[in-house]
Amino acid sequence: MRRIFVGAVVRFDAAGSITPMQIVWKDGRAYGIDRILRAQTTPSLLCGAGYLYLVRIQGQERELGYDGRRWYILSPD
């Protein structure tokens, strides 16, 4: 799977949880995340642990990741 790096609008709560709210493509198009279907921690070379979310955006499921520095969408190609 290939990583496509994107911008993200996220919410941090008082407990330190990270909740992605929108993704933003390089050309400025922004898409709201309709629902987070799954959230899990994953190994990251940059910070020890990253995050991987299964999200629904406009009715389509996508894997959205955070490696401790950048947000990305996993592309099957």
N, C-alpha and C. Protein backbone atom coordinates (compact mmCIF):
# COMPACT_ATOMS: atom_id res chain seq x y z
N MET A 1 0.84 -1.19 0.00
CA MET A 1 0.00 0.00 0.00
C MET A 1 0.89 1.24 0.00
N ARG A 2 0.43 2.23 -0.70
CA ARG A 2 1.17 3.48 -0.85
C ARG A 2 0.56 4.54 0.05
N ARG A 3 1.40 5.36 0.64
CA ARG A 3 0.93 6.47 1.47
C ARG A 3 0.79 7.74 0.63
N ILE A 4 -0.37 8.37 0.73
CA ILE A 4 -0.58 9.68 0.11
C ILE A 4 -0.73 10.67 1.26
N PHE A 5 0.23 11.57 1.38
CA PHE A 5 0.23 12.50 2.50
C PHE A 5 -0.79 13.61 2.30
N VAL A 6 -1.53 13.91 3.35
CA VAL A 6 -2.60 14.89 3.32
C VAL A 6 -2.49 15.78 4.56
N GLY A 7 -3.18 16.91 4.51
CA GLY A 7 -3.35 17.72 5.70
C GLY A 7 -4.53 17.18 6.49
N ALA A 8 -4.62 17.59 7.73
CA ALA A 8 -5.74 17.12 8.55
C ALA A 8 -6.14 18.19 9.54
N VAL A 9 -7.43 18.27 9.80
CA VAL A 9 -7.97 19.09 10.87
C VAL A 9 -8.35 18.09 11.97
N VAL A 10 -7.76 18.26 13.15
CA VAL A 10 -7.96 17.30 14.23
C VAL A 10 -8.40 18.00 15.51
N ARG A 11 -9.00 17.21 16.38
CA ARG A 11 -9.40 17.71 17.70
C ARG A 11 -8.61 16.94 18.75
N PHE A 12 -7.98 17.68 19.66
CA PHE A 12 -7.30 17.08 20.80
C PHE A 12 -8.17 17.34 22.02
N ASP A 13 -8.49 16.30 22.79
CA ASP A 13 -9.29 16.52 23.99
C ASP A 13 -8.38 16.60 25.23
N ALA A 14 -8.98 16.86 26.36
CA ALA A 14 -8.23 17.04 27.60
C ALA A 14 -7.47 15.79 28.02
N ALA A 15 -7.94 14.64 27.60
CA ALA A 15 -7.27 13.37 27.93
C ALA A 15 -6.12 13.06 26.97
N GLY A 16 -5.96 13.87 25.91
CA GLY A 16 -4.89 13.66 24.95
C GLY A 16 -5.29 12.85 23.73
N SER A 17 -6.56 12.49 23.61
CA SER A 17 -7.02 11.74 22.43
C SER A 17 -7.01 12.64 21.20
N ILE A 18 -6.66 12.04 20.07
CA ILE A 18 -6.63 12.74 18.78
C ILE A 18 -7.80 12.23 17.95
N THR A 19 -8.66 13.15 17.51
CA THR A 19 -9.80 12.79 16.68
C THR A 19 -9.71 13.55 15.36
N PRO A 20 -9.46 12.87 14.23
CA PRO A 20 -9.44 13.57 12.94
C PRO A 20 -10.85 14.01 12.56
N MET A 21 -10.99 15.24 12.08
CA MET A 21 -12.27 15.79 11.69
C MET A 21 -12.40 15.98 10.18
N GLN A 22 -11.31 16.34 9.52
CA GLN A 22 -11.29 16.58 8.07
C GLN A 22 -9.94 16.17 7.51
N ILE A 23 -9.92 15.81 6.22
CA ILE A 23 -8.65 15.69 5.50
C ILE A 23 -8.61 16.81 4.47
N VAL A 24 -7.40 17.25 4.16
CA VAL A 24 -7.21 18.35 3.23
C VAL A 24 -6.15 17.93 2.21
N TRP A 25 -6.54 17.88 0.93
CA TRP A 25 -5.62 17.53 -0.15
C TRP A 25 -4.68 18.69 -0.44
N LYS A 26 -3.60 18.42 -1.16
CA LYS A 26 -2.61 19.45 -1.50
C LYS A 26 -3.22 20.62 -2.25
N ASP A 27 -4.26 20.36 -3.04
CA ASP A 27 -4.88 21.45 -3.82
C ASP A 27 -5.89 22.26 -3.00
N GLY A 28 -6.03 21.94 -1.72
CA GLY A 28 -6.91 22.70 -0.84
C GLY A 28 -8.30 22.13 -0.64
N ARG A 29 -8.67 21.10 -1.41
CA ARG A 29 -9.99 20.49 -1.22
C ARG A 29 -10.03 19.81 0.15
N ALA A 30 -11.10 20.06 0.89
CA ALA A 30 -11.26 19.48 2.22
C ALA A 30 -12.50 18.61 2.26
N TYR A 31 -12.39 17.50 2.95
CA TYR A 31 -13.51 16.56 3.09
C TYR A 31 -13.68 16.22 4.56
N GLY A 32 -14.90 16.37 5.04
CA GLY A 32 -15.21 16.03 6.42
C GLY A 32 -15.25 14.53 6.62
N ILE A 33 -14.83 14.09 7.77
CA ILE A 33 -14.90 12.68 8.13
C ILE A 33 -16.27 12.45 8.75
N ASP A 34 -17.08 11.62 8.09
CA ASP A 34 -18.44 11.36 8.54
C ASP A 34 -18.45 10.51 9.81
N ARG A 35 -17.54 9.54 9.87
CA ARG A 35 -17.55 8.63 11.01
C ARG A 35 -16.20 7.94 11.13
N ILE A 36 -15.76 7.73 12.35
CA ILE A 36 -14.57 6.91 12.61
C ILE A 36 -15.07 5.52 12.96
N LEU A 37 -14.71 4.55 12.13
CA LEU A 37 -15.19 3.18 12.30
C LEU A 37 -14.26 2.35 13.19
N ARG A 38 -12.98 2.69 13.19
CA ARG A 38 -12.00 1.97 14.00
C ARG A 38 -10.80 2.87 14.24
N ALA A 39 -10.21 2.78 15.41
CA ALA A 39 -8.99 3.52 15.73
C ALA A 39 -8.05 2.58 16.47
N GLN A 40 -6.78 2.58 16.06
CA GLN A 40 -5.81 1.72 16.72
C GLN A 40 -4.43 2.35 16.67
N THR A 41 -3.58 1.98 17.61
CA THR A 41 -2.20 2.43 17.56
C THR A 41 -1.41 1.49 16.67
N THR A 42 -0.38 2.02 16.04
CA THR A 42 0.47 1.24 15.16
C THR A 42 1.92 1.62 15.43
N PRO A 43 2.87 0.76 15.11
CA PRO A 43 4.28 1.12 15.27
C PRO A 43 4.65 2.27 14.33
N SER A 44 5.52 3.16 14.78
CA SER A 44 6.00 4.26 13.96
C SER A 44 7.50 4.40 14.17
N LEU A 45 8.25 4.54 13.10
CA LEU A 45 9.69 4.73 13.22
C LEU A 45 10.03 6.10 13.80
N LEU A 46 9.12 7.07 13.64
CA LEU A 46 9.40 8.43 14.06
C LEU A 46 9.18 8.66 15.56
N CYS A 47 8.12 8.10 16.10
CA CYS A 47 7.80 8.42 17.50
C CYS A 47 7.47 7.20 18.34
N GLY A 48 7.71 6.01 17.83
CA GLY A 48 7.41 4.80 18.59
C GLY A 48 6.02 4.25 18.33
N ALA A 49 5.00 5.12 18.32
CA ALA A 49 3.63 4.67 18.06
C ALA A 49 2.91 5.71 17.22
N GLY A 50 2.23 5.25 16.21
CA GLY A 50 1.39 6.10 15.38
C GLY A 50 -0.05 5.68 15.56
N TYR A 51 -0.91 6.19 14.70
CA TYR A 51 -2.33 5.88 14.77
C TYR A 51 -2.83 5.51 13.40
N LEU A 52 -3.76 4.59 13.34
CA LEU A 52 -4.41 4.22 12.10
C LEU A 52 -5.91 4.19 12.35
N TYR A 53 -6.64 4.92 11.52
CA TYR A 53 -8.10 5.04 11.65
C TYR A 53 -8.74 4.49 10.40
N LEU A 54 -9.83 3.78 10.56
CA LEU A 54 -10.70 3.43 9.44
C LEU A 54 -11.83 4.44 9.51
N VAL A 55 -11.94 5.27 8.46
CA VAL A 55 -12.91 6.37 8.48
C VAL A 55 -13.86 6.26 7.29
N ARG A 56 -15.01 6.90 7.42
CA ARG A 56 -15.96 7.01 6.32
C ARG A 56 -15.98 8.47 5.89
N ILE A 57 -15.70 8.69 4.60
CA ILE A 57 -15.71 10.02 4.00
C ILE A 57 -16.60 9.96 2.78
N GLN A 58 -17.67 10.71 2.79
CA GLN A 58 -18.64 10.72 1.69
C GLN A 58 -19.06 9.30 1.29
N GLY A 59 -19.34 8.47 2.29
CA GLY A 59 -19.83 7.12 2.05
C GLY A 59 -18.78 6.10 1.69
N GLN A 60 -17.50 6.49 1.61
CA GLN A 60 -16.44 5.56 1.25
C GLN A 60 -15.52 5.34 2.45
N GLU A 61 -15.12 4.10 2.66
CA GLU A 61 -14.21 3.79 3.75
C GLU A 61 -12.77 3.96 3.28
N ARG A 62 -11.98 4.62 4.13
CA ARG A 62 -10.56 4.87 3.84
C ARG A 62 -9.76 4.65 5.11
N GLU A 63 -8.50 4.25 4.95
CA GLU A 63 -7.60 4.15 6.08
C GLU A 63 -6.79 5.44 6.16
N LEU A 64 -6.87 6.10 7.30
CA LEU A 64 -6.20 7.36 7.55
C LEU A 64 -5.18 7.12 8.66
N GLY A 65 -3.93 7.46 8.41
CA GLY A 65 -2.89 7.21 9.39
C GLY A 65 -2.18 8.47 9.82
N TYR A 66 -1.55 8.39 10.98
CA TYR A 66 -0.72 9.47 11.52
C TYR A 66 0.56 8.83 12.04
N ASP A 67 1.70 9.26 11.53
CA ASP A 67 2.97 8.64 11.91
C ASP A 67 3.73 9.41 12.99
N GLY A 68 3.05 10.34 13.64
CA GLY A 68 3.70 11.16 14.65
C GLY A 68 4.15 12.50 14.13
N ARG A 69 4.13 12.66 12.81
CA ARG A 69 4.54 13.90 12.17
C ARG A 69 3.61 14.30 11.02
N ARG A 70 3.16 13.30 10.25
CA ARG A 70 2.33 13.59 9.07
C ARG A 70 1.13 12.66 9.01
N TRP A 71 0.06 13.16 8.37
CA TRP A 71 -1.17 12.39 8.13
C TRP A 71 -1.11 11.85 6.72
N TYR A 72 -1.69 10.65 6.51
CA TYR A 72 -1.69 10.04 5.18
C TYR A 72 -2.92 9.16 5.01
N ILE A 73 -3.29 8.99 3.75
CA ILE A 73 -4.32 8.04 3.33
C ILE A 73 -3.60 6.86 2.71
N LEU A 74 -4.00 5.64 3.04
CA LEU A 74 -3.41 4.46 2.41
C LEU A 74 -4.13 4.17 1.10
N SER A 75 -3.35 4.08 0.03
CA SER A 75 -3.89 3.80 -1.29
C SER A 75 -3.52 2.38 -1.69
N PRO A 76 -4.48 1.61 -2.22
CA PRO A 76 -4.17 0.22 -2.56
C PRO A 76 -3.23 0.03 -3.73
N ASP A 77 -2.94 1.07 -4.53
CA ASP A 77 -2.06 0.88 -5.69
C ASP A 77 -0.62 1.16 -5.42
